[in-house]
Amino acid sequence: MARRATYVDDCNRALDLASGHFDSARIIDHFQAGDADLLEGFTSLT
């Protein structure tokens, strides 16, 4: 089951952990995992 309710908080935690260590970031794009909700990467970042 997808974790829609925590998606934004999960992204923010990941960005906080990566902050200062990387110049850019990408997320999963066009890969489907069963019934999981996945967003198109470029749209999610913009």
N, C-alpha and C. Protein backbone atom coordinates (compact mmCIF):
# COMPACT_ATOMS: atom_id res chain seq x y z
N MET A 1 0.84 -1.19 0.00
CA MET A 1 0.00 0.00 0.00
C MET A 1 0.88 1.25 0.00
N ALA A 2 0.51 2.19 -0.79
CA ALA A 2 1.28 3.44 -0.90
C ALA A 2 1.15 4.27 0.37
N ARG A 3 2.14 5.11 0.60
CA ARG A 3 2.17 5.94 1.81
C ARG A 3 1.89 7.39 1.45
N ARG A 4 0.75 7.64 0.82
CA ARG A 4 0.37 8.99 0.42
C ARG A 4 0.38 9.98 1.57
N ALA A 5 -0.12 9.58 2.71
CA ALA A 5 -0.28 10.49 3.84
C ALA A 5 1.05 11.03 4.35
N THR A 6 2.14 10.29 4.14
CA THR A 6 3.44 10.72 4.66
C THR A 6 4.41 11.12 3.55
N TYR A 7 3.95 11.16 2.30
CA TYR A 7 4.85 11.41 1.16
C TYR A 7 5.66 12.70 1.31
N VAL A 8 5.02 13.82 1.57
CA VAL A 8 5.72 15.10 1.65
C VAL A 8 6.70 15.09 2.83
N ASP A 9 6.27 14.59 3.97
CA ASP A 9 7.16 14.51 5.13
C ASP A 9 8.36 13.60 4.84
N ASP A 10 8.12 12.48 4.17
CA ASP A 10 9.21 11.57 3.81
C ASP A 10 10.20 12.26 2.88
N CYS A 11 9.70 12.99 1.89
CA CYS A 11 10.58 13.72 0.97
C CYS A 11 11.39 14.77 1.72
N ASN A 12 10.74 15.50 2.61
CA ASN A 12 11.45 16.53 3.37
C ASN A 12 12.54 15.94 4.25
N ARG A 13 12.28 14.79 4.87
CA ARG A 13 13.31 14.14 5.69
C ARG A 13 14.49 13.71 4.83
N ALA A 14 14.21 13.15 3.66
CA ALA A 14 15.28 12.73 2.76
C ALA A 14 16.11 13.92 2.29
N LEU A 15 15.45 15.02 1.96
CA LEU A 15 16.17 16.22 1.53
C LEU A 15 17.00 16.80 2.66
N ASP A 16 16.50 16.78 3.88
CA ASP A 16 17.27 17.26 5.03
C ASP A 16 18.53 16.42 5.22
N LEU A 17 18.41 15.11 5.08
CA LEU A 17 19.57 14.23 5.24
C LEU A 17 20.61 14.45 4.14
N ALA A 18 20.16 14.72 2.93
CA ALA A 18 21.07 14.89 1.80
C ALA A 18 21.62 16.31 1.69
N SER A 19 21.00 17.26 2.36
CA SER A 19 21.40 18.66 2.26
C SER A 19 22.88 18.86 2.58
N GLY A 20 23.56 19.56 1.68
CA GLY A 20 24.98 19.83 1.86
C GLY A 20 25.90 18.75 1.33
N HIS A 21 25.32 17.61 0.90
CA HIS A 21 26.14 16.50 0.42
C HIS A 21 26.07 16.31 -1.09
N PHE A 22 25.05 16.88 -1.72
CA PHE A 22 24.83 16.68 -3.16
C PHE A 22 24.45 18.01 -3.81
N ASP A 23 24.71 18.10 -5.11
CA ASP A 23 24.34 19.30 -5.87
C ASP A 23 22.96 19.19 -6.50
N SER A 24 22.47 17.97 -6.67
CA SER A 24 21.16 17.77 -7.29
C SER A 24 20.57 16.46 -6.77
N ALA A 25 19.28 16.25 -7.08
CA ALA A 25 18.61 15.02 -6.66
C ALA A 25 17.55 14.65 -7.69
N ARG A 26 17.30 13.35 -7.82
CA ARG A 26 16.23 12.86 -8.67
C ARG A 26 15.45 11.81 -7.89
N ILE A 27 14.21 11.63 -8.28
CA ILE A 27 13.41 10.58 -7.66
C ILE A 27 12.96 9.61 -8.73
N ILE A 28 12.37 8.50 -8.31
CA ILE A 28 11.91 7.46 -9.24
C ILE A 28 11.04 8.07 -10.33
N ASP A 29 11.26 7.63 -11.55
CA ASP A 29 10.54 8.17 -12.69
C ASP A 29 10.18 7.04 -13.65
N HIS A 30 8.91 6.85 -13.89
CA HIS A 30 8.40 5.87 -14.85
C HIS A 30 8.70 4.42 -14.51
N PHE A 31 8.79 4.10 -13.24
CA PHE A 31 8.90 2.71 -12.82
C PHE A 31 7.69 2.41 -11.95
N GLN A 32 7.01 1.35 -12.25
CA GLN A 32 5.81 1.00 -11.49
C GLN A 32 6.14 -0.18 -10.58
N ALA A 33 5.66 -0.12 -9.35
CA ALA A 33 5.90 -1.19 -8.38
C ALA A 33 4.56 -1.68 -7.85
N GLY A 34 3.91 -2.53 -8.60
CA GLY A 34 2.62 -3.05 -8.15
C GLY A 34 1.59 -1.95 -8.02
N ASP A 35 0.96 -1.88 -6.86
CA ASP A 35 -0.08 -0.88 -6.62
C ASP A 35 0.45 0.40 -5.98
N ALA A 36 1.76 0.53 -5.85
CA ALA A 36 2.34 1.70 -5.19
C ALA A 36 2.10 2.96 -6.02
N ASP A 37 1.85 4.07 -5.34
CA ASP A 37 1.69 5.35 -6.01
C ASP A 37 3.07 5.94 -6.29
N LEU A 38 3.36 6.21 -7.54
CA LEU A 38 4.63 6.83 -7.92
C LEU A 38 4.32 8.04 -8.77
N LEU A 39 4.99 9.14 -8.49
CA LEU A 39 4.78 10.36 -9.24
C LEU A 39 5.87 10.53 -10.28
N GLU A 40 5.56 11.20 -11.38
CA GLU A 40 6.55 11.50 -12.40
C GLU A 40 7.59 12.43 -11.79
N GLY A 41 8.87 12.08 -11.91
CA GLY A 41 9.95 12.78 -11.22
C GLY A 41 10.04 14.27 -11.48
N PHE A 42 10.04 14.70 -12.74
CA PHE A 42 10.19 16.12 -13.04
C PHE A 42 9.03 16.92 -12.46
N THR A 43 7.83 16.41 -12.60
CA THR A 43 6.66 17.09 -12.05
C THR A 43 6.76 17.20 -10.54
N SER A 44 7.21 16.16 -9.88
CA SER A 44 7.33 16.17 -8.42
C SER A 44 8.33 17.21 -7.94
N LEU A 45 9.44 17.35 -8.64
CA LEU A 45 10.48 18.28 -8.21
C LEU A 45 10.14 19.73 -8.53
N THR A 46 9.31 19.96 -9.54
CA THR A 46 8.95 21.33 -9.88
C THR A 46 7.74 21.73 -9.10
